[in-house]
Amino acid sequence: MDPQLPTLEEGVTLLEAEDAPAALYRLVGRHLAEADGPAYWLDARNAAVPGAIREHAPRRGARSIRVARAFTGYQHYELARELPARIDPGAALVVAPNVGALYAEDDVPEYEADAMVETTLALLGGVADTANAPVLATAPDPTYAERVAAAADRTLHAEGTRAGLRVEGPDVATDVYWHDWGFQTTIPYWVDLLGTAASARPAATDTPYTASLPGI
């Protein structure tokens, strides 16, 4: 388990991670390390990279992932339509990277693409409700990013920092960065742990404080 990453909740979560491409795999890996049941990956633009999945997901979790890979908008749309019937009870996770990206390509007329995006988003939301499984989506293509964000139940923003991967979202903010040699904390971490002095309340920043685990 990676303690600096948030737990994925039921519903649709949009991950914004353009500057931290490994964040998707790390969130998937963390979730599958704690969850039972198969995971379903509705792929677009070859985001389902086996090496990256194996690097961040436990062996059992990586083997549970069932990938359906689309190369055109029409293929993606048909796979999205089939998804509700293919998910087994007890599914652990649904991953849908690059939602809308294939619909924005030139081979799909705009009037069809708009309807396909709305249907796909409705299907993902329905799967999250009926399967009681988190749906983790990304939508880096700007064409439909706002629609995906509006349809999501929550949005997480991930970025790489000098201290490590930082993730922010509703009631979530990375304030401890774990490493093999120890950990780094931030001022918000200590404010949350100890509170602030009544006479002086310095503004919280993300400046890391370096510490080592006992015995390291």
C-alpha atoms as a PDB file:
ATOM      1  CA  MET A   1       0.000   0.000   0.000  1.00  0.00           C
ATOM      2  CA  ASP A   2       1.195   3.517  -0.812  1.00  0.00           C
ATOM      3  CA  PRO A   3       0.130   5.697   2.148  1.00  0.00           C
ATOM      4  CA  GLN A   4       0.562   8.960   0.275  1.00  0.00           C
ATOM      5  CA  LEU A   5      -2.130   8.086  -2.289  1.00  0.00           C
ATOM      6  CA  PRO A   6      -5.887   8.458  -1.703  1.00  0.00           C
ATOM      7  CA  THR A   7      -8.337   5.586  -1.555  1.00  0.00           C
ATOM      8  CA  LEU A   8     -10.643   5.401  -4.573  1.00  0.00           C
ATOM      9  CA  GLU A   9     -14.289   5.765  -3.603  1.00  0.00           C
ATOM     10  CA  GLU A  10     -17.406   4.460  -5.308  1.00  0.00           C
ATOM     11  CA  GLY A  11     -18.587   6.609  -8.186  1.00  0.00           C
ATOM     12  CA  VAL A  12     -16.657   8.186 -11.047  1.00  0.00           C
ATOM     13  CA  THR A  13     -13.329   9.823 -10.222  1.00  0.00           C
ATOM     14  CA  LEU A  14     -11.589  11.994 -12.809  1.00  0.00           C
ATOM     15  CA  LEU A  15      -7.809  12.020 -12.497  1.00  0.00           C
ATOM     16  CA  GLU A  16      -6.036  15.071 -13.901  1.00  0.00           C
ATOM     17  CA  ALA A  17      -2.400  14.054 -14.201  1.00  0.00           C
ATOM     18  CA  GLU A  18      -0.943  15.499 -17.390  1.00  0.00           C
ATOM     19  CA  ASP A  19       2.349  16.266 -15.599  1.00  0.00           C
ATOM     20  CA  ALA A  20       2.443  12.953 -13.735  1.00  0.00           C
ATOM     21  CA  PRO A  21       1.648  10.118 -16.174  1.00  0.00           C
ATOM     22  CA  ALA A  22       2.560   7.396 -13.665  1.00  0.00           C
ATOM     23  CA  ALA A  23      -0.157   8.605 -11.280  1.00  0.00           C
ATOM     24  CA  LEU A  24      -2.822   6.552 -13.076  1.00  0.00           C
ATOM     25  CA  TYR A  25      -0.880   3.314 -12.623  1.00  0.00           C
ATOM     26  CA  ARG A  26      -0.011   4.108  -9.025  1.00  0.00           C
ATOM     27  CA  LEU A  27      -3.639   4.774  -8.090  1.00  0.00           C
ATOM     28  CA  VAL A  28      -4.739   1.593  -9.835  1.00  0.00           C
ATOM     29  CA  GLY A  29      -1.987  -0.393  -8.118  1.00  0.00           C
ATOM     30  CA  ARG A  30      -2.793   0.980  -4.683  1.00  0.00           C
ATOM     31  CA  HIS A  31      -6.471   0.153  -5.069  1.00  0.00           C
ATOM     32  CA  LEU A  32      -5.879  -3.371  -6.352  1.00  0.00           C
ATOM     33  CA  ALA A  33      -3.447  -4.060  -3.513  1.00  0.00           C
ATOM     34  CA  GLU A  34      -6.369  -3.794  -1.091  1.00  0.00           C
ATOM     35  CA  ALA A  35      -9.347  -4.926  -3.209  1.00  0.00           C
ATOM     36  CA  ASP A  36     -10.583  -8.303  -4.308  1.00  0.00           C
ATOM     37  CA  GLY A  37     -12.291  -9.078  -7.592  1.00  0.00           C
ATOM     38  CA  PRO A  38     -11.470  -8.368 -11.230  1.00  0.00           C
ATOM     39  CA  ALA A  39     -10.654  -4.960 -12.667  1.00  0.00           C
ATOM     40  CA  TYR A  40     -11.837  -3.779 -16.089  1.00  0.00           C
ATOM     41  CA  TRP A  41      -9.808  -1.426 -18.291  1.00  0.00           C
ATOM     42  CA  LEU A  42     -11.588   0.343 -21.169  1.00  0.00           C
ATOM     43  CA  ASP A  43      -8.512   1.438 -23.074  1.00  0.00           C
ATOM     44  CA  ALA A  44      -7.933   4.279 -25.521  1.00  0.00           C
ATOM     45  CA  ARG A  45      -4.665   5.438 -27.065  1.00  0.00           C
ATOM     46  CA  ASN A  46      -2.755   2.474 -25.645  1.00  0.00           C
ATOM     47  CA  ALA A  47      -2.804   3.668 -22.055  1.00  0.00           C
ATOM     48  CA  ALA A  48      -2.859   0.065 -20.805  1.00  0.00           C
ATOM     49  CA  VAL A  49       0.923  -0.380 -20.831  1.00  0.00           C
ATOM     50  CA  PRO A  50       1.694  -3.854 -19.405  1.00  0.00           C
ATOM     51  CA  GLY A  51       5.085  -2.865 -18.014  1.00  0.00           C
ATOM     52  CA  ALA A  52       3.697   0.173 -16.186  1.00  0.00           C
ATOM     53  CA  ILE A  53       0.794  -1.830 -14.797  1.00  0.00           C
ATOM     54  CA  ARG A  54       3.080  -4.591 -13.521  1.00  0.00           C
ATOM     55  CA  GLU A  55       5.467  -2.058 -11.991  1.00  0.00           C
ATOM     56  CA  HIS A  56       2.813  -0.443  -9.819  1.00  0.00           C
ATOM     57  CA  ALA A  57       0.196  -3.153  -9.283  1.00  0.00           C
ATOM     58  CA  PRO A  58       0.739  -6.254  -7.168  1.00  0.00           C
ATOM     59  CA  ARG A  59       1.049  -9.475  -9.157  1.00  0.00           C
ATOM     60  CA  ARG A  60      -2.404 -10.627  -8.089  1.00  0.00           C
ATOM     61  CA  GLY A  61      -3.893  -7.233  -8.969  1.00  0.00           C
ATOM     62  CA  ALA A  62      -2.177  -7.012 -12.349  1.00  0.00           C
ATOM     63  CA  ARG A  63      -3.453 -10.458 -13.303  1.00  0.00           C
ATOM     64  CA  SER A  64      -7.010  -9.441 -12.404  1.00  0.00           C
ATOM     65  CA  ILE A  65      -7.121  -6.638 -14.995  1.00  0.00           C
ATOM     66  CA  ARG A  66      -9.174  -7.394 -18.086  1.00  0.00           C
ATOM     67  CA  VAL A  67      -8.283  -4.989 -20.895  1.00  0.00           C
ATOM     68  CA  ALA A  68     -10.582  -4.066 -23.798  1.00  0.00           C
ATOM     69  CA  ARG A  69      -8.517  -1.974 -26.199  1.00  0.00           C
ATOM     70  CA  ALA A  70     -10.080   0.453 -28.697  1.00  0.00           C
ATOM     71  CA  PHE A  71      -8.258   2.086 -31.602  1.00  0.00           C
ATOM     72  CA  THR A  72     -11.127   4.128 -33.058  1.00  0.00           C
ATOM     73  CA  GLY A  73     -13.988   6.093 -31.592  1.00  0.00           C
ATOM     74  CA  TYR A  74     -16.521   3.589 -32.902  1.00  0.00           C
ATOM     75  CA  GLN A  75     -14.663   0.694 -31.287  1.00  0.00           C
ATOM     76  CA  HIS A  76     -14.516   2.565 -27.994  1.00  0.00           C
ATOM     77  CA  TYR A  77     -18.212   3.340 -28.140  1.00  0.00           C
ATOM     78  CA  GLU A  78     -19.162  -0.296 -28.748  1.00  0.00           C
ATOM     79  CA  LEU A  79     -16.890  -1.476 -25.935  1.00  0.00           C
ATOM     80  CA  ALA A  80     -18.466   1.082 -23.596  1.00  0.00           C
ATOM     81  CA  ARG A  81     -21.925  -0.191 -24.543  1.00  0.00           C
ATOM     82  CA  GLU A  82     -20.885  -3.781 -23.806  1.00  0.00           C
ATOM     83  CA  LEU A  83     -19.246  -2.924 -20.490  1.00  0.00           C
ATOM     84  CA  PRO A  84     -22.327  -3.179 -18.210  1.00  0.00           C
ATOM     85  CA  ALA A  85     -23.074  -6.708 -19.429  1.00  0.00           C
ATOM     86  CA  ARG A  86     -19.474  -7.901 -19.108  1.00  0.00           C
ATOM     87  CA  ILE A  87     -18.726  -6.773 -15.566  1.00  0.00           C
ATOM     88  CA  ASP A  88     -18.874  -9.585 -13.031  1.00  0.00           C
ATOM     89  CA  PRO A  89     -20.431  -9.064  -9.595  1.00  0.00           C
ATOM     90  CA  GLY A  90     -17.764  -8.064  -7.137  1.00  0.00           C
ATOM     91  CA  ALA A  91     -15.713  -6.067  -9.621  1.00  0.00           C
ATOM     92  CA  ALA A  92     -12.922  -4.164  -7.874  1.00  0.00           C
ATOM     93  CA  LEU A  93     -12.356  -1.298 -10.298  1.00  0.00           C
ATOM     94  CA  VAL A  94     -13.113   0.115 -13.743  1.00  0.00           C
ATOM     95  CA  VAL A  95     -10.395   2.162 -15.463  1.00  0.00           C
ATOM     96  CA  ALA A  96     -11.254   4.412 -18.420  1.00  0.00           C
ATOM     97  CA  PRO A  97      -8.267   6.488 -19.555  1.00  0.00           C
ATOM     98  CA  ASN A  98      -8.462   9.111 -22.302  1.00  0.00           C
ATOM     99  CA  VAL A  99     -12.259   9.327 -22.279  1.00  0.00           C
ATOM    100  CA  GLY A 100     -13.427  11.211 -25.352  1.00  0.00           C
ATOM    101  CA  ALA A 101     -10.022  11.262 -27.036  1.00  0.00           C
ATOM    102  CA  LEU A 102     -10.960   8.861 -29.852  1.00  0.00           C
ATOM    103  CA  TYR A 103     -14.307  10.589 -30.406  1.00  0.00           C
ATOM    104  CA  ALA A 104     -12.471  13.847 -31.082  1.00  0.00           C
ATOM    105  CA  GLU A 105     -10.564  12.414 -34.043  1.00  0.00           C
ATOM    106  CA  ASP A 106     -11.434  13.336 -37.617  1.00  0.00           C
ATOM    107  CA  ASP A 107     -13.038  10.014 -38.551  1.00  0.00           C
ATOM    108  CA  VAL A 108     -15.979  10.664 -36.194  1.00  0.00           C
ATOM    109  CA  PRO A 109     -18.373  13.462 -37.245  1.00  0.00           C
ATOM    110  CA  GLU A 110     -18.912  16.017 -34.498  1.00  0.00           C
ATOM    111  CA  TYR A 111     -22.642  15.412 -34.234  1.00  0.00           C
ATOM    112  CA  GLU A 112     -22.002  11.711 -33.656  1.00  0.00           C
ATOM    113  CA  ALA A 113     -19.065  12.309 -31.340  1.00  0.00           C
ATOM    114  CA  ASP A 114     -21.082  14.534 -28.997  1.00  0.00           C
ATOM    115  CA  ALA A 115     -23.780  11.880 -28.607  1.00  0.00           C
ATOM    116  CA  MET A 116     -21.192   9.116 -28.175  1.00  0.00           C
ATOM    117  CA  VAL A 117     -19.440  10.993 -25.389  1.00  0.00           C
ATOM    118  CA  GLU A 118     -22.691  11.596 -23.510  1.00  0.00           C
ATOM    119  CA  THR A 119     -23.666   7.937 -23.834  1.00  0.00           C
ATOM    120  CA  THR A 120     -20.243   6.729 -22.707  1.00  0.00           C
ATOM    121  CA  LEU A 121     -20.305   8.992 -19.656  1.00  0.00           C
ATOM    122  CA  ALA A 122     -23.798   7.797 -18.764  1.00  0.00           C
ATOM    123  CA  LEU A 123     -22.662   4.178 -19.098  1.00  0.00           C
ATOM    124  CA  LEU A 124     -19.643   4.731 -16.863  1.00  0.00           C
ATOM    125  CA  GLY A 125     -21.833   6.397 -14.265  1.00  0.00           C
ATOM    126  CA  GLY A 126     -24.317   3.536 -14.475  1.00  0.00           C
ATOM    127  CA  VAL A 127     -21.576   0.953 -14.049  1.00  0.00           C
ATOM    128  CA  ALA A 128     -20.293   2.764 -10.961  1.00  0.00           C
ATOM    129  CA  ASP A 129     -23.793   2.706  -9.452  1.00  0.00           C
ATOM    130  CA  THR A 130     -24.809  -0.849 -10.305  1.00  0.00           C
ATOM    131  CA  ALA A 131     -21.468  -2.566  -9.723  1.00  0.00           C
ATOM    132  CA  ASN A 132     -20.639  -0.528  -6.612  1.00  0.00           C
ATOM    133  CA  ALA A 133     -17.105  -0.263  -7.988  1.00  0.00           C
ATOM    134  CA  PRO A 134     -14.980   2.865  -8.381  1.00  0.00           C
ATOM    135  CA  VAL A 135     -14.537   4.145 -11.926  1.00  0.00           C
ATOM    136  CA  LEU A 136     -11.212   5.922 -12.493  1.00  0.00           C
ATOM    137  CA  ALA A 137     -11.105   8.044 -15.653  1.00  0.00           C
ATOM    138  CA  THR A 138      -8.752  10.483 -17.326  1.00  0.00           C
ATOM    139  CA  ALA A 139      -9.578  13.003 -20.045  1.00  0.00           C
ATOM    140  CA  PRO A 140      -6.452  14.906 -21.095  1.00  0.00           C
ATOM    141  CA  ASP A 141      -7.820  15.729 -24.564  1.00  0.00           C
ATOM    142  CA  PRO A 142      -9.305  19.246 -24.209  1.00  0.00           C
ATOM    143  CA  THR A 143     -12.203  18.593 -26.605  1.00  0.00           C
ATOM    144  CA  TYR A 144     -14.353  16.793 -24.053  1.00  0.00           C
ATOM    145  CA  ALA A 145     -12.450  17.376 -20.813  1.00  0.00           C
ATOM    146  CA  GLU A 146     -15.085  19.729 -19.389  1.00  0.00           C
ATOM    147  CA  ARG A 147     -17.911  17.275 -20.107  1.00  0.00           C
ATOM    148  CA  VAL A 148     -16.051  14.460 -18.405  1.00  0.00           C
ATOM    149  CA  ALA A 149     -15.304  16.670 -15.396  1.00  0.00           C
ATOM    150  CA  ALA A 150     -18.961  17.677 -15.139  1.00  0.00           C
ATOM    151  CA  ALA A 151     -20.071  14.033 -15.202  1.00  0.00           C
ATOM    152  CA  ALA A 152     -17.540  12.889 -12.585  1.00  0.00           C
ATOM    153  CA  ASP A 153     -18.436  12.644  -8.922  1.00  0.00           C
ATOM    154  CA  ARG A 154     -15.045  13.997  -7.892  1.00  0.00           C
ATOM    155  CA  THR A 155     -11.760  15.171  -9.402  1.00  0.00           C
ATOM    156  CA  LEU A 156      -8.244  14.384  -8.248  1.00  0.00           C
ATOM    157  CA  HIS A 157      -5.290  16.443  -9.431  1.00  0.00           C
ATOM    158  CA  ALA A 158      -1.845  14.816  -9.436  1.00  0.00           C
ATOM    159  CA  GLU A 159       1.498  16.458 -10.065  1.00  0.00           C
ATOM    160  CA  GLY A 160       5.121  15.526  -9.665  1.00  0.00           C
ATOM    161  CA  THR A 161       7.138  17.500  -7.114  1.00  0.00           C
ATOM    162  CA  ARG A 162      10.726  17.334  -5.934  1.00  0.00           C
ATOM    163  CA  ALA A 163       9.504  15.404  -2.910  1.00  0.00           C
ATOM    164  CA  GLY A 164       7.334  12.951  -4.862  1.00  0.00           C
ATOM    165  CA  LEU A 165       3.834  12.591  -6.268  1.00  0.00           C
ATOM    166  CA  ARG A 166       1.316  15.048  -4.843  1.00  0.00           C
ATOM    167  CA  VAL A 167      -2.428  14.335  -5.113  1.00  0.00           C
ATOM    168  CA  GLU A 168      -5.169  16.798  -4.227  1.00  0.00           C
ATOM    169  CA  GLY A 169      -8.931  16.376  -4.198  1.00  0.00           C
ATOM    170  CA  PRO A 170     -12.004  16.585  -1.967  1.00  0.00           C
ATOM    171  CA  ASP A 171     -10.749  16.041   1.586  1.00  0.00           C
ATOM    172  CA  VAL A 172      -7.447  14.721   0.166  1.00  0.00           C
ATOM    173  CA  ALA A 173      -4.017  16.326   0.024  1.00  0.00           C
ATOM    174  CA  THR A 174      -0.614  14.661   0.116  1.00  0.00           C
ATOM    175  CA  ASP A 175       1.320  15.976   3.111  1.00  0.00           C
ATOM    176  CA  VAL A 176       3.779  13.116   3.675  1.00  0.00           C
ATOM    177  CA  TYR A 177       6.122  11.806   0.983  1.00  0.00           C
ATOM    178  CA  TRP A 178       7.459   8.307   1.631  1.00  0.00           C
ATOM    179  CA  HIS A 179      10.767   7.047   0.258  1.00  0.00           C
ATOM    180  CA  ASP A 180      12.894   3.939   0.711  1.00  0.00           C
ATOM    181  CA  TRP A 181      15.209   5.857   3.017  1.00  0.00           C
ATOM    182  CA  GLY A 182      12.532   7.532   5.114  1.00  0.00           C
ATOM    183  CA  PHE A 183       9.885  10.196   4.632  1.00  0.00           C
ATOM    184  CA  GLN A 184       9.402  13.919   4.081  1.00  0.00           C
ATOM    185  CA  THR A 185       6.693  15.928   5.779  1.00  0.00           C
ATOM    186  CA  THR A 186       5.166  19.312   5.001  1.00  0.00           C
ATOM    187  CA  ILE A 187       4.012  22.193   7.176  1.00  0.00           C
ATOM    188  CA  PRO A 188       0.311  21.249   6.683  1.00  0.00           C
ATOM    189  CA  TYR A 189       1.153  17.809   8.091  1.00  0.00           C
ATOM    190  CA  TRP A 190       2.448  19.302  11.348  1.00  0.00           C
ATOM    191  CA  VAL A 191      -0.371  21.839  11.524  1.00  0.00           C
ATOM    192  CA  ASP A 192      -2.872  18.994  11.268  1.00  0.00           C
ATOM    193  CA  LEU A 193      -0.958  16.928  13.826  1.00  0.00           C
ATOM    194  CA  LEU A 194      -0.145  19.600  16.405  1.00  0.00           C
ATOM    195  CA  GLY A 195      -2.366  22.553  15.589  1.00  0.00           C
ATOM    196  CA  THR A 196      -1.165  26.134  15.365  1.00  0.00           C
ATOM    197  CA  ALA A 197      -0.104  28.649  17.973  1.00  0.00           C
ATOM    198  CA  ALA A 198      -2.834  31.141  18.816  1.00  0.00           C
ATOM    199  CA  SER A 199      -0.449  34.078  18.604  1.00  0.00           C
ATOM    200  CA  ALA A 200       1.184  33.214  15.305  1.00  0.00           C
ATOM    201  CA  ARG A 201      -0.407  31.224  12.503  1.00  0.00           C
ATOM    202  CA  PRO A 202       2.027  31.061   9.568  1.00  0.00           C
ATOM    203  CA  ALA A 203       0.549  30.269   6.184  1.00  0.00           C
ATOM    204  CA  ALA A 204       0.739  26.581   5.318  1.00  0.00           C
ATOM    205  CA  THR A 205       3.053  25.733   2.451  1.00  0.00           C
ATOM    206  CA  ASP A 206       4.210  22.559   0.801  1.00  0.00           C
ATOM    207  CA  THR A 207       7.848  23.039   1.760  1.00  0.00           C
ATOM    208  CA  PRO A 208       9.018  19.526   2.660  1.00  0.00           C
ATOM    209  CA  TYR A 209      10.710  18.656   5.887  1.00  0.00           C
ATOM    210  CA  THR A 210      13.038  15.673   5.599  1.00  0.00           C
ATOM    211  CA  ALA A 211      13.080  12.972   8.266  1.00  0.00           C
ATOM    212  CA  SER A 212      14.280   9.407   8.488  1.00  0.00           C
ATOM    213  CA  LEU A 213      12.489   6.384   9.818  1.00  0.00           C
ATOM    214  CA  PRO A 214      13.879   4.979  13.073  1.00  0.00           C
ATOM    215  CA  GLY A 215      16.908   2.826  12.436  1.00  0.00           C
ATOM    216  CA  ILE A 216      17.545   4.190   8.936  1.00  0.00           C
END
